[in-house]
Every structure is written in structure tokens, then in C-alpha cells.
């Protein structure tokens, strides 16, 4: 999932796109599973860098990784 975001910085990925990247198209998961994974990723990055905010949430659209 992180790889899918980082490969195209600034490009928005929907929850469905991130699910496909992480699990493939043959597995069905609740959309909120992706939210949980993103939350955990952010938490892990913030242990290293408390100001980490490169993974942005775009309400109703998806997530975006920013290099800024």
C-alpha cells in the first residue's frame, strides 16, 4: 500500500486502488481496513519524525503521498 502511494507522489489513490495494490483484486475487504492501515503507517512514521504529514487524506476521494 505504501509503495502504491510513494510510486506516484501527488497522485490520489482511492481506497479501492489501495486495496487492489495491497491484496489483489480477488479479496474483498471493508473500506475501513485501508483507513486502519493508513493510520498505522502514519503512527509508525511519526515515531521517527513527529512532524510527518506526507500521507494526506482527501475526504471522499482517497489518499495522496506528498514529497513536501
PDB file of N, CA and C in Angstrom:
ATOM      1  N   UNK A   1       0.825  -1.180   0.000  1.00  0.00           N
ATOM      2  CA  UNK A   1       0.000   0.000   0.000  1.00  0.00           C
ATOM      3  C   UNK A   1       0.876   1.254   0.000  1.00  0.00           C
ATOM      4  N   UNK A   2       1.882   1.276   0.867  1.00  0.00           N
ATOM      5  CA  UNK A   2       2.789   2.419   0.922  1.00  0.00           C
ATOM      6  C   UNK A   2       3.514   2.582  -0.405  1.00  0.00           C
ATOM      7  N   UNK A   3       3.935   1.478  -0.984  1.00  0.00           N
ATOM      8  CA  UNK A   3       4.620   1.516  -2.280  1.00  0.00           C
ATOM      9  C   UNK A   3       3.718   2.142  -3.349  1.00  0.00           C
ATOM     10  N   UNK A   4       2.444   1.777  -3.352  1.00  0.00           N
ATOM     11  CA  UNK A   4       1.499   2.326  -4.332  1.00  0.00           C
ATOM     12  C   UNK A   4       1.386   3.840  -4.204  1.00  0.00           C
ATOM     13  N   UNK A   5       1.428   4.349  -2.979  1.00  0.00           N
ATOM     14  CA  UNK A   5       1.347   5.800  -2.763  1.00  0.00           C
ATOM     15  C   UNK A   5       2.650   6.496  -3.157  1.00  0.00           C
ATOM     16  N   UNK A   6       3.775   5.907  -2.772  1.00  0.00           N
ATOM     17  CA  UNK A   6       5.073   6.549  -2.992  1.00  0.00           C
ATOM     18  C   UNK A   6       5.481   6.547  -4.460  1.00  0.00           C
ATOM     19  N   UNK A   7       5.074   5.533  -5.211  1.00  0.00           N
ATOM     20  CA  UNK A   7       5.465   5.457  -6.622  1.00  0.00           C
ATOM     21  C   UNK A   7       4.962   6.640  -7.444  1.00  0.00           C
ATOM     22  N   UNK A   8       3.840   7.215  -7.041  1.00  0.00           N
ATOM     23  CA  UNK A   8       3.278   8.358  -7.770  1.00  0.00           C
ATOM     24  C   UNK A   8       2.942   9.474  -6.793  1.00  0.00           C
ATOM     25  N   UNK A   9       3.966  10.186  -6.295  1.00  0.00           N
ATOM     26  CA  UNK A   9       3.708  11.272  -5.339  1.00  0.00           C
ATOM     27  C   UNK A   9       2.778  12.323  -5.945  1.00  0.00           C
ATOM     28  N   UNK A  10       1.847  12.797  -5.158  1.00  0.00           N
ATOM     29  CA  UNK A  10       0.908  13.812  -5.620  1.00  0.00           C
ATOM     30  C   UNK A  10      -0.320  13.236  -6.303  1.00  0.00           C
ATOM     31  N   UNK A  11      -0.270  11.966  -6.678  1.00  0.00           N
ATOM     32  CA  UNK A  11      -1.394  11.309  -7.351  1.00  0.00           C
ATOM     33  C   UNK A  11      -2.319  10.699  -6.298  1.00  0.00           C
ATOM     34  N   UNK A  12      -3.604  10.939  -6.425  1.00  0.00           N
ATOM     35  CA  UNK A  12      -4.578  10.433  -5.454  1.00  0.00           C
ATOM     36  C   UNK A  12      -4.918   8.979  -5.766  1.00  0.00           C
ATOM     37  N   UNK A  13      -4.891   8.155  -4.727  1.00  0.00           N
ATOM     38  CA  UNK A  13      -5.286   6.750  -4.848  1.00  0.00           C
ATOM     39  C   UNK A  13      -6.554   6.532  -4.025  1.00  0.00           C
ATOM     40  N   UNK A  14      -7.545   5.936  -4.642  1.00  0.00           N
ATOM     41  CA  UNK A  14      -8.789   5.631  -3.924  1.00  0.00           C
ATOM     42  C   UNK A  14      -8.559   4.435  -2.998  1.00  0.00           C
ATOM     43  N   UNK A  15      -9.480   4.216  -2.090  1.00  0.00           N
ATOM     44  CA  UNK A  15      -9.383   3.047  -1.208  1.00  0.00           C
ATOM     45  C   UNK A  15      -9.370   1.760  -2.034  1.00  0.00           C
ATOM     46  N   UNK A  16     -10.200   1.703  -3.070  1.00  0.00           N
ATOM     47  CA  UNK A  16     -10.244   0.508  -3.918  1.00  0.00           C
ATOM     48  C   UNK A  16      -8.900   0.257  -4.588  1.00  0.00           C
ATOM     49  N   UNK A  17      -8.268   1.314  -5.086  1.00  0.00           N
ATOM     50  CA  UNK A  17      -6.958   1.159  -5.722  1.00  0.00           C
ATOM     51  C   UNK A  17      -5.916   0.678  -4.718  1.00  0.00           C
ATOM     52  N   UNK A  18      -5.967   1.198  -3.508  1.00  0.00           N
ATOM     53  CA  UNK A  18      -5.020   0.767  -2.481  1.00  0.00           C
ATOM     54  C   UNK A  18      -5.289  -0.671  -2.044  1.00  0.00           C
ATOM     55  N   UNK A  19      -6.564  -1.066  -1.979  1.00  0.00           N
ATOM     56  CA  UNK A  19      -6.889  -2.460  -1.648  1.00  0.00           C
ATOM     57  C   UNK A  19      -6.346  -3.403  -2.711  1.00  0.00           C
ATOM     58  N   UNK A  20      -6.530  -3.033  -3.987  1.00  0.00           N
ATOM     59  CA  UNK A  20      -6.017  -3.862  -5.076  1.00  0.00           C
ATOM     60  C   UNK A  20      -4.497  -3.961  -5.017  1.00  0.00           C
ATOM     61  N   UNK A  21      -3.832  -2.846  -4.716  1.00  0.00           N
ATOM     62  CA  UNK A  21      -2.371  -2.837  -4.634  1.00  0.00           C
ATOM     63  C   UNK A  21      -1.874  -3.708  -3.485  1.00  0.00           C
ATOM     64  N   UNK A  22      -2.585  -3.699  -2.381  1.00  0.00           N
ATOM     65  CA  UNK A  22      -2.144  -4.434  -1.196  1.00  0.00           C
ATOM     66  C   UNK A  22      -2.560  -5.905  -1.213  1.00  0.00           C
ATOM     67  N   UNK A  23      -3.752  -6.191  -1.708  1.00  0.00           N
ATOM     68  CA  UNK A  23      -4.305  -7.537  -1.572  1.00  0.00           C
ATOM     69  C   UNK A  23      -4.654  -8.218  -2.888  1.00  0.00           C
ATOM     70  N   UNK A  24      -4.624  -7.497  -3.989  1.00  0.00           N
ATOM     71  CA  UNK A  24      -5.072  -8.068  -5.251  1.00  0.00           C
ATOM     72  C   UNK A  24      -6.578  -7.901  -5.389  1.00  0.00           C
ATOM     73  N   UNK A  25      -7.069  -8.176  -6.562  1.00  0.00           N
ATOM     74  CA  UNK A  25      -8.486  -7.942  -6.846  1.00  0.00           C
ATOM     75  C   UNK A  25      -9.395  -9.071  -6.364  1.00  0.00           C
ATOM     76  N   UNK A  26      -8.827 -10.200  -5.992  1.00  0.00           N
ATOM     77  CA  UNK A  26      -9.659 -11.353  -5.651  1.00  0.00           C
ATOM     78  C   UNK A  26     -10.130 -11.364  -4.194  1.00  0.00           C
ATOM     79  N   UNK A  27      -9.641 -10.441  -3.387  1.00  0.00           N
ATOM     80  CA  UNK A  27     -10.016 -10.411  -1.971  1.00  0.00           C
ATOM     81  C   UNK A  27     -10.901  -9.204  -1.704  1.00  0.00           C
ATOM     82  N   UNK A  28     -12.010  -9.425  -1.000  1.00  0.00           N
ATOM     83  CA  UNK A  28     -12.903  -8.326  -0.643  1.00  0.00           C
ATOM     84  C   UNK A  28     -12.687  -7.963   0.816  1.00  0.00           C
ATOM     85  N   UNK A  29     -12.452  -6.673   1.055  1.00  0.00           N
ATOM     86  CA  UNK A  29     -12.271  -6.160   2.414  1.00  0.00           C
ATOM     87  C   UNK A  29     -13.142  -4.937   2.606  1.00  0.00           C
ATOM     88  N   UNK A  30     -13.424  -4.635   3.828  1.00  0.00           N
ATOM     89  CA  UNK A  30     -14.136  -3.410   4.169  1.00  0.00           C
ATOM     90  C   UNK A  30     -13.239  -2.212   3.840  1.00  0.00           C
ATOM     91  N   UNK A  31     -13.833  -1.145   3.324  1.00  0.00           N
ATOM     92  CA  UNK A  31     -13.072   0.069   3.002  1.00  0.00           C
ATOM     93  C   UNK A  31     -12.305   0.602   4.205  1.00  0.00           C
ATOM     94  N   UNK A  32     -12.851   0.416   5.375  1.00  0.00           N
ATOM     95  CA  UNK A  32     -12.217   0.952   6.591  1.00  0.00           C
ATOM     96  C   UNK A  32     -10.928   0.223   6.944  1.00  0.00           C
ATOM     97  N   UNK A  33     -10.706  -0.940   6.345  1.00  0.00           N
ATOM     98  CA  UNK A  33      -9.442  -1.644   6.549  1.00  0.00           C
ATOM     99  C   UNK A  33      -8.291  -0.781   6.059  1.00  0.00           C
ATOM    100  N   UNK A  34      -8.483  -0.127   4.935  1.00  0.00           N
ATOM    101  CA  UNK A  34      -7.449   0.754   4.384  1.00  0.00           C
ATOM    102  C   UNK A  34      -7.211   1.920   5.331  1.00  0.00           C
ATOM    103  N   UNK A  35      -8.268   2.483   5.876  1.00  0.00           N
ATOM    104  CA  UNK A  35      -8.119   3.585   6.835  1.00  0.00           C
ATOM    105  C   UNK A  35      -7.265   3.154   8.025  1.00  0.00           C
ATOM    106  N   UNK A  36      -7.490   1.948   8.503  1.00  0.00           N
ATOM    107  CA  UNK A  36      -6.715   1.435   9.638  1.00  0.00           C
ATOM    108  C   UNK A  36      -5.246   1.277   9.280  1.00  0.00           C
ATOM    109  N   UNK A  37      -4.988   0.767   8.089  1.00  0.00           N
ATOM    110  CA  UNK A  37      -3.600   0.610   7.651  1.00  0.00           C
ATOM    111  C   UNK A  37      -2.903   1.964   7.516  1.00  0.00           C
ATOM    112  N   UNK A  38      -3.593   2.931   6.948  1.00  0.00           N
ATOM    113  CA  UNK A  38      -3.016   4.272   6.800  1.00  0.00           C
ATOM    114  C   UNK A  38      -2.728   4.868   8.174  1.00  0.00           C
ATOM    115  N   UNK A  39      -3.645   4.694   9.097  1.00  0.00           N
ATOM    116  CA  UNK A  39      -3.454   5.204  10.460  1.00  0.00           C
ATOM    117  C   UNK A  39      -2.204   4.591  11.090  1.00  0.00           C
ATOM    118  N   UNK A  40      -2.027   3.291  10.915  1.00  0.00           N
ATOM    119  CA  UNK A  40      -0.850   2.618  11.477  1.00  0.00           C
ATOM    120  C   UNK A  40       0.437   3.076  10.799  1.00  0.00           C
ATOM    121  N   UNK A  41       0.395   3.257   9.480  1.00  0.00           N
ATOM    122  CA  UNK A  41       1.575   3.761   8.773  1.00  0.00           C
ATOM    123  C   UNK A  41       1.973   5.139   9.296  1.00  0.00           C
ATOM    124  N   UNK A  42       1.003   6.010   9.431  1.00  0.00           N
ATOM    125  CA  UNK A  42       1.288   7.352   9.946  1.00  0.00           C
ATOM    126  C   UNK A  42       1.897   7.280  11.342  1.00  0.00           C
ATOM    127  N   UNK A  43       1.341   6.442  12.175  1.00  0.00           N
ATOM    128  CA  UNK A  43       1.835   6.300  13.551  1.00  0.00           C
ATOM    129  C   UNK A  43       3.295   5.830  13.560  1.00  0.00           C
ATOM    130  N   UNK A  44       3.625   4.876  12.709  1.00  0.00           N
ATOM    131  CA  UNK A  44       5.000   4.370  12.639  1.00  0.00           C
ATOM    132  C   UNK A  44       5.962   5.442  12.143  1.00  0.00           C
ATOM    133  N   UNK A  45       5.557   6.200  11.140  1.00  0.00           N
ATOM    134  CA  UNK A  45       6.418   7.275  10.644  1.00  0.00           C
ATOM    135  C   UNK A  45       6.592   8.368  11.695  1.00  0.00           C
ATOM    136  N   UNK A  46       5.552   8.649  12.455  1.00  0.00           N
ATOM    137  CA  UNK A  46       5.633   9.716  13.467  1.00  0.00           C
ATOM    138  C   UNK A  46       6.509   9.339  14.653  1.00  0.00           C
ATOM    139  N   UNK A  47       6.757   8.060  14.856  1.00  0.00           N
ATOM    140  CA  UNK A  47       7.723   7.648  15.882  1.00  0.00           C
ATOM    141  C   UNK A  47       9.109   8.143  15.484  1.00  0.00           C
ATOM    142  N   UNK A  48       9.407   8.079  14.196  1.00  0.00           N
ATOM    143  CA  UNK A  48      10.700   8.519  13.673  1.00  0.00           C
ATOM    144  C   UNK A  48      10.727  10.028  13.489  1.00  0.00           C
ATOM    145  N   UNK A  49       9.649  10.576  12.945  1.00  0.00           N
ATOM    146  CA  UNK A  49       9.556  12.014  12.666  1.00  0.00           C
ATOM    147  C   UNK A  49       8.187  12.519  13.136  1.00  0.00           C
ATOM    148  N   UNK A  50       8.138  13.165  14.293  1.00  0.00           N
ATOM    149  CA  UNK A  50       6.858  13.637  14.842  1.00  0.00           C
ATOM    150  C   UNK A  50       6.104  14.616  13.942  1.00  0.00           C
ATOM    151  N   UNK A  51       6.775  15.225  12.975  1.00  0.00           N
ATOM    152  CA  UNK A  51       6.110  16.176  12.079  1.00  0.00           C
ATOM    153  C   UNK A  51       5.648  15.529  10.772  1.00  0.00           C
ATOM    154  N   UNK A  52       5.744  14.216  10.671  1.00  0.00           N
ATOM    155  CA  UNK A  52       5.377  13.514   9.437  1.00  0.00           C
ATOM    156  C   UNK A  52       3.921  13.791   9.063  1.00  0.00           C
ATOM    157  N   UNK A  53       3.733  14.286   7.844  1.00  0.00           N
ATOM    158  CA  UNK A  53       2.372  14.522   7.340  1.00  0.00           C
ATOM    159  C   UNK A  53       2.297  14.321   5.827  1.00  0.00           C
ATOM    160  N   UNK A  54       3.153  13.477   5.293  1.00  0.00           N
ATOM    161  CA  UNK A  54       3.211  13.267   3.845  1.00  0.00           C
ATOM    162  C   UNK A  54       2.051  12.441   3.289  1.00  0.00           C
ATOM    163  N   UNK A  55       1.371  11.668   4.103  1.00  0.00           N
ATOM    164  CA  UNK A  55       0.207  10.923   3.621  1.00  0.00           C
ATOM    165  C   UNK A  55      -1.027  11.759   3.939  1.00  0.00           C
ATOM    166  N   UNK A  56      -1.634  12.289   2.885  1.00  0.00           N
ATOM    167  CA  UNK A  56      -2.790  13.174   3.036  1.00  0.00           C
ATOM    168  C   UNK A  56      -4.088  12.407   2.781  1.00  0.00           C
ATOM    169  N   UNK A  57      -5.105  12.741   3.524  1.00  0.00           N
ATOM    170  CA  UNK A  57      -6.444  12.204   3.300  1.00  0.00           C
ATOM    171  C   UNK A  57      -7.244  13.234   2.521  1.00  0.00           C
ATOM    172  N   UNK A  58      -7.840  12.811   1.425  1.00  0.00           N
ATOM    173  CA  UNK A  58      -8.740  13.672   0.665  1.00  0.00           C
ATOM    174  C   UNK A  58     -10.140  13.101   0.857  1.00  0.00           C
ATOM    175  N   UNK A  59     -10.906  13.759   1.696  1.00  0.00           N
ATOM    176  CA  UNK A  59     -12.213  13.265   2.124  1.00  0.00           C
ATOM    177  C   UNK A  59     -13.083  12.858   0.931  1.00  0.00           C
ATOM    178  N   UNK A  60     -13.566  11.630   0.960  1.00  0.00           N
ATOM    179  CA  UNK A  60     -14.451  11.123  -0.081  1.00  0.00           C
ATOM    180  C   UNK A  60     -13.746  10.718  -1.357  1.00  0.00           C
ATOM    181  N   UNK A  61     -12.415  10.901  -1.411  1.00  0.00           N
ATOM    182  CA  UNK A  61     -11.675  10.597  -2.636  1.00  0.00           C
ATOM    183  C   UNK A  61     -10.650   9.492  -2.398  1.00  0.00           C
ATOM    184  N   UNK A  62      -9.767   9.701  -1.432  1.00  0.00           N
ATOM    185  CA  UNK A  62      -8.735   8.706  -1.171  1.00  0.00           C
ATOM    186  C   UNK A  62      -7.554   9.307  -0.436  1.00  0.00           C
ATOM    187  N   UNK A  63      -6.374   8.821  -0.785  1.00  0.00           N
ATOM    188  CA  UNK A  63      -5.145   9.244  -0.120  1.00  0.00           C
ATOM    189  C   UNK A  63      -4.109   9.661  -1.148  1.00  0.00           C
ATOM    190  N   UNK A  64      -3.203  10.528  -0.687  1.00  0.00           N
ATOM    191  CA  UNK A  64      -2.142  11.021  -1.567  1.00  0.00           C
ATOM    192  C   UNK A  64      -0.862  11.119  -0.740  1.00  0.00           C
ATOM    193  N   UNK A  65       0.257  10.727  -1.360  1.00  0.00           N
ATOM    194  CA  UNK A  65       1.566  10.902  -0.735  1.00  0.00           C
ATOM    195  C   UNK A  65       2.194  12.158  -1.310  1.00  0.00           C
ATOM    196  N   UNK A  66       2.723  12.979  -0.445  1.00  0.00           N
ATOM    197  CA  UNK A  66       3.345  14.232  -0.861  1.00  0.00           C
ATOM    198  C   UNK A  66       4.807  14.227  -0.452  1.00  0.00           C
ATOM    199  N   UNK A  67       5.681  14.670  -1.336  1.00  0.00           N
ATOM    200  CA  UNK A  67       7.116  14.744  -1.036  1.00  0.00           C
ATOM    201  C   UNK A  67       7.485  15.978  -0.239  1.00  0.00           C
ATOM    202  N   UNK A  68       6.569  16.874  -0.028  1.00  0.00           N
ATOM    203  CA  UNK A  68       6.895  18.145   0.640  1.00  0.00           C
ATOM    204  C   UNK A  68       7.354  17.958   2.053  1.00  0.00           C
TER     205      UNK A  68
END
